[in-house]
C-alpha atoms as a PDB file:
ATOM      1  CA  UNK A   1     155.890  54.959-155.731  1.00  0.00           C
ATOM      2  CA  UNK A   2     159.534  54.810-154.860  1.00  0.00           C
ATOM      3  CA  UNK A   3     161.593  57.977-154.532  1.00  0.00           C
ATOM      4  CA  UNK A   4     165.459  58.272-154.576  1.00  0.00           C
ATOM      5  CA  UNK A   5     167.644  61.193-154.626  1.00  0.00           C
ATOM      6  CA  UNK A   6     171.171  62.155-154.950  1.00  0.00           C
ATOM      7  CA  UNK A   7     173.157  65.564-154.822  1.00  0.00           C
ATOM      8  CA  UNK A   8     175.720  66.378-157.517  1.00  0.00           C
ATOM      9  CA  UNK A   9     178.073  69.390-157.664  1.00  0.00           C
ATOM     10  CA  UNK A  10     177.624  72.120-160.384  1.00  0.00           C
ATOM     11  CA  UNK A  11     179.177  75.447-161.208  1.00  0.00           C
ATOM     12  CA  UNK A  12     175.888  76.884-159.718  1.00  0.00           C
ATOM     13  CA  UNK A  13     175.995  74.919-156.423  1.00  0.00           C
ATOM     14  CA  UNK A  14     174.821  71.556-155.241  1.00  0.00           C
ATOM     15  CA  UNK A  15     172.026  70.071-157.339  1.00  0.00           C
ATOM     16  CA  UNK A  16     169.572  67.670-155.716  1.00  0.00           C
ATOM     17  CA  UNK A  17     168.198  65.223-158.272  1.00  0.00           C
ATOM     18  CA  UNK A  18     164.992  63.214-157.526  1.00  0.00           C
ATOM     19  CA  UNK A  19     163.691  60.259-159.185  1.00  0.00           C
ATOM     20  CA  UNK A  20     160.100  58.780-158.945  1.00  0.00           C
ATOM     21  CA  UNK A  21     160.010  55.018-159.757  1.00  0.00           C
ATOM     22  CA  UNK A  22     163.365  55.551-161.506  1.00  0.00           C
ATOM     23  CA  UNK A  23     162.503  58.378-163.565  1.00  0.00           C
ATOM     24  CA  UNK A  24     163.731  61.978-163.119  1.00  0.00           C
ATOM     25  CA  UNK A  25     161.024  64.049-161.359  1.00  0.00           C
ATOM     26  CA  UNK A  26     163.090  66.894-159.733  1.00  0.00           C
ATOM     27  CA  UNK A  27     166.250  68.970-159.780  1.00  0.00           C
ATOM     28  CA  UNK A  28     166.442  71.371-157.000  1.00  0.00           C
ATOM     29  CA  UNK A  29     168.863  74.050-156.018  1.00  0.00           C
ATOM     30  CA  UNK A  30     169.667  75.257-152.381  1.00  0.00           C
ATOM     31  CA  UNK A  31     167.183  77.826-151.177  1.00  0.00           C
ATOM     32  CA  UNK A  32     164.894  77.337-154.375  1.00  0.00           C
ATOM     33  CA  UNK A  33     161.492  78.970-153.808  1.00  0.00           C
ATOM     34  CA  UNK A  34     159.299  75.890-154.459  1.00  0.00           C
ATOM     35  CA  UNK A  35     161.779  73.245-153.156  1.00  0.00           C
ATOM     36  CA  UNK A  36     159.810  70.427-151.447  1.00  0.00           C
ATOM     37  CA  UNK A  37     160.870  69.128-148.086  1.00  0.00           C
ATOM     38  CA  UNK A  38     163.823  66.930-148.133  1.00  0.00           C
ATOM     39  CA  UNK A  39     161.785  64.068-146.471  1.00  0.00           C
ATOM     40  CA  UNK A  40     160.025  63.720-149.730  1.00  0.00           C
ATOM     41  CA  UNK A  41     163.232  63.038-151.716  1.00  0.00           C
ATOM     42  CA  UNK A  42     163.396  59.374-150.611  1.00  0.00           C
ATOM     43  CA  UNK A  43     166.608  57.289-149.959  1.00  0.00           C
ATOM     44  CA  UNK A  44     169.929  58.432-151.207  1.00  0.00           C
ATOM     45  CA  UNK A  45     170.950  56.358-154.304  1.00  0.00           C
ATOM     46  CA  UNK A  46     172.912  57.782-157.299  1.00  0.00           C
ATOM     47  CA  UNK A  47     171.974  54.617-159.574  1.00  0.00           C
ATOM     48  CA  UNK A  48     168.936  56.119-161.226  1.00  0.00           C
ATOM     49  CA  UNK A  49     170.730  59.221-162.225  1.00  0.00           C
ATOM     50  CA  UNK A  50     173.718  58.037-164.077  1.00  0.00           C
ATOM     51  CA  UNK A  51     172.456  59.400-167.494  1.00  0.00           C
ATOM     52  CA  UNK A  52     171.336  62.642-165.977  1.00  0.00           C
ATOM     53  CA  UNK A  53     174.558  63.251-164.406  1.00  0.00           C
ATOM     54  CA  UNK A  54     176.403  62.458-167.632  1.00  0.00           C
ATOM     55  CA  UNK A  55     174.291  64.969-169.540  1.00  0.00           C
ATOM     56  CA  UNK A  56     174.415  67.628-166.886  1.00  0.00           C
ATOM     57  CA  UNK A  57     178.290  67.246-166.976  1.00  0.00           C
ATOM     58  CA  UNK A  58     178.227  67.508-170.741  1.00  0.00           C
ATOM     59  CA  UNK A  59     175.964  70.705-170.495  1.00  0.00           C
ATOM     60  CA  UNK A  60     178.313  72.351-168.026  1.00  0.00           C
ATOM     61  CA  UNK A  61     181.293  71.535-170.277  1.00  0.00           C
ATOM     62  CA  UNK A  62     179.423  73.136-173.160  1.00  0.00           C
ATOM     63  CA  UNK A  63     179.265  69.904-175.017  1.00  0.00           C
ATOM     64  CA  UNK A  64     175.505  69.498-174.704  1.00  0.00           C
ATOM     65  CA  UNK A  65     172.856  72.092-175.620  1.00  0.00           C
ATOM     66  CA  UNK A  66     169.692  69.922-175.495  1.00  0.00           C
ATOM     67  CA  UNK A  67     168.821  67.310-172.793  1.00  0.00           C
ATOM     68  CA  UNK A  68     167.428  63.950-173.857  1.00  0.00           C
ATOM     69  CA  UNK A  69     166.084  62.405-170.797  1.00  0.00           C
ATOM     70  CA  UNK A  70     162.890  60.682-169.573  1.00  0.00           C
ATOM     71  CA  UNK A  71     161.167  62.926-167.227  1.00  0.00           C
ATOM     72  CA  UNK A  72     158.120  62.613-164.876  1.00  0.00           C
ATOM     73  CA  UNK A  73     156.732  66.190-164.682  1.00  0.00           C
ATOM     74  CA  UNK A  74     154.048  66.114-162.050  1.00  0.00           C
ATOM     75  CA  UNK A  75     151.645  69.212-162.426  1.00  0.00           C
ATOM     76  CA  UNK A  76     148.422  70.460-163.702  1.00  0.00           C
ATOM     77  CA  UNK A  77     147.632  70.215-167.402  1.00  0.00           C
ATOM     78  CA  UNK A  78     148.276  73.889-167.563  1.00  0.00           C
ATOM     79  CA  UNK A  79     151.610  73.670-165.844  1.00  0.00           C
ATOM     80  CA  UNK A  80     152.747  70.645-168.066  1.00  0.00           C
ATOM     81  CA  UNK A  81     151.860  72.833-171.007  1.00  0.00           C
ATOM     82  CA  UNK A  82     154.071  75.609-169.893  1.00  0.00           C
ATOM     83  CA  UNK A  83     156.996  73.253-169.085  1.00  0.00           C
ATOM     84  CA  UNK A  84     156.521  71.701-172.593  1.00  0.00           C
ATOM     85  CA  UNK A  85     156.883  75.185-174.067  1.00  0.00           C
ATOM     86  CA  UNK A  86     160.023  75.719-171.920  1.00  0.00           C
ATOM     87  CA  UNK A  87     161.649  72.700-173.463  1.00  0.00           C
ATOM     88  CA  UNK A  88     161.028  74.346-176.900  1.00  0.00           C
ATOM     89  CA  UNK A  89     163.140  77.381-176.078  1.00  0.00           C
ATOM     90  CA  UNK A  90     166.538  76.818-177.716  1.00  0.00           C
ATOM     91  CA  UNK A  91     169.772  77.042-175.896  1.00  0.00           C
ATOM     92  CA  UNK A  92     171.082  80.466-175.615  1.00  0.00           C
ATOM     93  CA  UNK A  93     167.753  82.163-176.449  1.00  0.00           C
ATOM     94  CA  UNK A  94     165.038  83.617-174.165  1.00  0.00           C
ATOM     95  CA  UNK A  95     161.257  84.041-174.384  1.00  0.00           C
ATOM     96  CA  UNK A  96     158.982  86.319-172.473  1.00  0.00           C
ATOM     97  CA  UNK A  97     156.154  85.192-170.295  1.00  0.00           C
ATOM     98  CA  UNK A  98     153.804  86.694-172.960  1.00  0.00           C
ATOM     99  CA  UNK A  99     155.273  84.931-175.900  1.00  0.00           C
ATOM    100  CA  UNK A 100     154.851  81.592-173.833  1.00  0.00           C
ATOM    101  CA  UNK A 101     151.159  82.556-173.159  1.00  0.00           C
ATOM    102  CA  UNK A 102     150.567  83.324-176.682  1.00  0.00           C
ATOM    103  CA  UNK A 103     152.095  79.969-177.748  1.00  0.00           C
ATOM    104  CA  UNK A 104     149.781  78.238-175.471  1.00  0.00           C
ATOM    105  CA  UNK A 105     147.002  80.098-177.127  1.00  0.00           C
ATOM    106  CA  UNK A 106     145.964  82.623-174.368  1.00  0.00           C
ATOM    107  CA  UNK A 107     147.610  86.054-174.561  1.00  0.00           C
ATOM    108  CA  UNK A 108     146.263  87.067-171.353  1.00  0.00           C
ATOM    109  CA  UNK A 109     147.902  84.257-169.251  1.00  0.00           C
ATOM    110  CA  UNK A 110     151.380  85.808-168.643  1.00  0.00           C
ATOM    111  CA  UNK A 111     150.793  85.795-165.068  1.00  0.00           C
ATOM    112  CA  UNK A 112     149.739  82.155-164.982  1.00  0.00           C
ATOM    113  CA  UNK A 113     152.637  81.188-166.969  1.00  0.00           C
ATOM    114  CA  UNK A 114     154.961  82.983-164.589  1.00  0.00           C
ATOM    115  CA  UNK A 115     153.441  81.084-161.720  1.00  0.00           C
ATOM    116  CA  UNK A 116     153.711  77.742-163.658  1.00  0.00           C
ATOM    117  CA  UNK A 117     157.183  78.663-164.634  1.00  0.00           C
ATOM    118  CA  UNK A 118     158.219  79.112-160.970  1.00  0.00           C
ATOM    119  CA  UNK A 119     156.863  75.668-160.039  1.00  0.00           C
ATOM    120  CA  UNK A 120     159.033  73.972-162.573  1.00  0.00           C
ATOM    121  CA  UNK A 121     160.204  70.879-160.647  1.00  0.00           C
ATOM    122  CA  UNK A 122     163.208  70.074-163.078  1.00  0.00           C
ATOM    123  CA  UNK A 123     165.266  73.304-163.236  1.00  0.00           C
ATOM    124  CA  UNK A 124     168.128  73.683-165.879  1.00  0.00           C
ATOM    125  CA  UNK A 125     166.865  70.627-167.724  1.00  0.00           C
ATOM    126  CA  UNK A 126     163.524  72.072-168.348  1.00  0.00           C
ATOM    127  CA  UNK A 127     165.093  75.659-168.971  1.00  0.00           C
ATOM    128  CA  UNK A 128     162.845  78.000-166.916  1.00  0.00           C
ATOM    129  CA  UNK A 129     165.773  80.342-166.728  1.00  0.00           C
ATOM    130  CA  UNK A 130     165.349  81.209-170.346  1.00  0.00           C
ATOM    131  CA  UNK A 131     162.057  83.163-169.618  1.00  0.00           C
ATOM    132  CA  UNK A 132     162.369  86.925-168.952  1.00  0.00           C
ATOM    133  CA  UNK A 133     160.011  89.883-168.525  1.00  0.00           C
ATOM    134  CA  UNK A 134     158.379  91.762-171.395  1.00  0.00           C
ATOM    135  CA  UNK A 135     160.932  94.514-171.052  1.00  0.00           C
ATOM    136  CA  UNK A 136     164.014  92.045-171.405  1.00  0.00           C
ATOM    137  CA  UNK A 137     164.429  92.250-167.660  1.00  0.00           C
ATOM    138  CA  UNK A 138     165.481  89.201-165.483  1.00  0.00           C
ATOM    139  CA  UNK A 139     162.376  88.729-163.243  1.00  0.00           C
ATOM    140  CA  UNK A 140     161.466  85.808-161.061  1.00  0.00           C
ATOM    141  CA  UNK A 141     163.477  82.692-160.897  1.00  0.00           C
ATOM    142  CA  UNK A 142     163.027  80.191-158.049  1.00  0.00           C
ATOM    143  CA  UNK A 143     166.750  79.484-157.896  1.00  0.00           C
ATOM    144  CA  UNK A 144     167.519  83.214-157.524  1.00  0.00           C
ATOM    145  CA  UNK A 145     168.158  86.008-159.929  1.00  0.00           C
ATOM    146  CA  UNK A 146     171.781  85.854-159.599  1.00  0.00           C
ATOM    147  CA  UNK A 147     171.621  82.164-160.556  1.00  0.00           C
ATOM    148  CA  UNK A 148     169.330  83.018-163.527  1.00  0.00           C
ATOM    149  CA  UNK A 149     171.842  85.701-164.725  1.00  0.00           C
ATOM    150  CA  UNK A 150     174.737  83.276-164.462  1.00  0.00           C
ATOM    151  CA  UNK A 151     172.981  80.605-166.413  1.00  0.00           C
ATOM    152  CA  UNK A 152     171.876  83.020-169.153  1.00  0.00           C
ATOM    153  CA  UNK A 153     175.435  84.340-169.454  1.00  0.00           C
ATOM    154  CA  UNK A 154     176.757  80.874-169.595  1.00  0.00           C
ATOM    155  CA  UNK A 155     174.502  79.942-172.281  1.00  0.00           C
ATOM    156  CA  UNK A 156     175.226  83.009-174.360  1.00  0.00           C
ATOM    157  CA  UNK A 157     178.981  82.615-173.791  1.00  0.00           C
ATOM    158  CA  UNK A 158     179.406  85.752-171.839  1.00  0.00           C
ATOM    159  CA  UNK A 159     179.860  84.152-168.564  1.00  0.00           C
ATOM    160  CA  UNK A 160     183.513  84.994-168.408  1.00  0.00           C
ATOM    161  CA  UNK A 161     182.702  88.503-167.120  1.00  0.00           C
ATOM    162  CA  UNK A 162     180.922  87.232-164.164  1.00  0.00           C
ATOM    163  CA  UNK A 163     183.701  85.349-162.525  1.00  0.00           C
END
């Protein structure tokens, strides 16, 4: 198993991209709650990330609303199910933890959905920022609630008021 990484600038701070055997397996923000130790990121090499960087640039330029990248999401079957549901949330929309639990066929699994959401290894591209509390409140985001608020405002087109 070969790992490589690179760091790219974004409007939300530097993003560390990680590839495992040439396939995107991580996108981490500074001070992210479940960010792995940097020693696990492998050698620095931007080659495996050309398309990821191109799509991120297009997303931040408001030219792309849906990512189309090969990804290697490593987690439990339940976590991968949650992450698959995250990718179904359209750009500019949100879902609650309860709605995701119901979509997975287990209405009582909201808390487990929240835990899996928090361990999403590919932030932004697998849009865990689009999940909110049942009251509509911004709860839990491994990259920080301020960043979650800014990403949601960006996608809804109301971000001008935040800068």
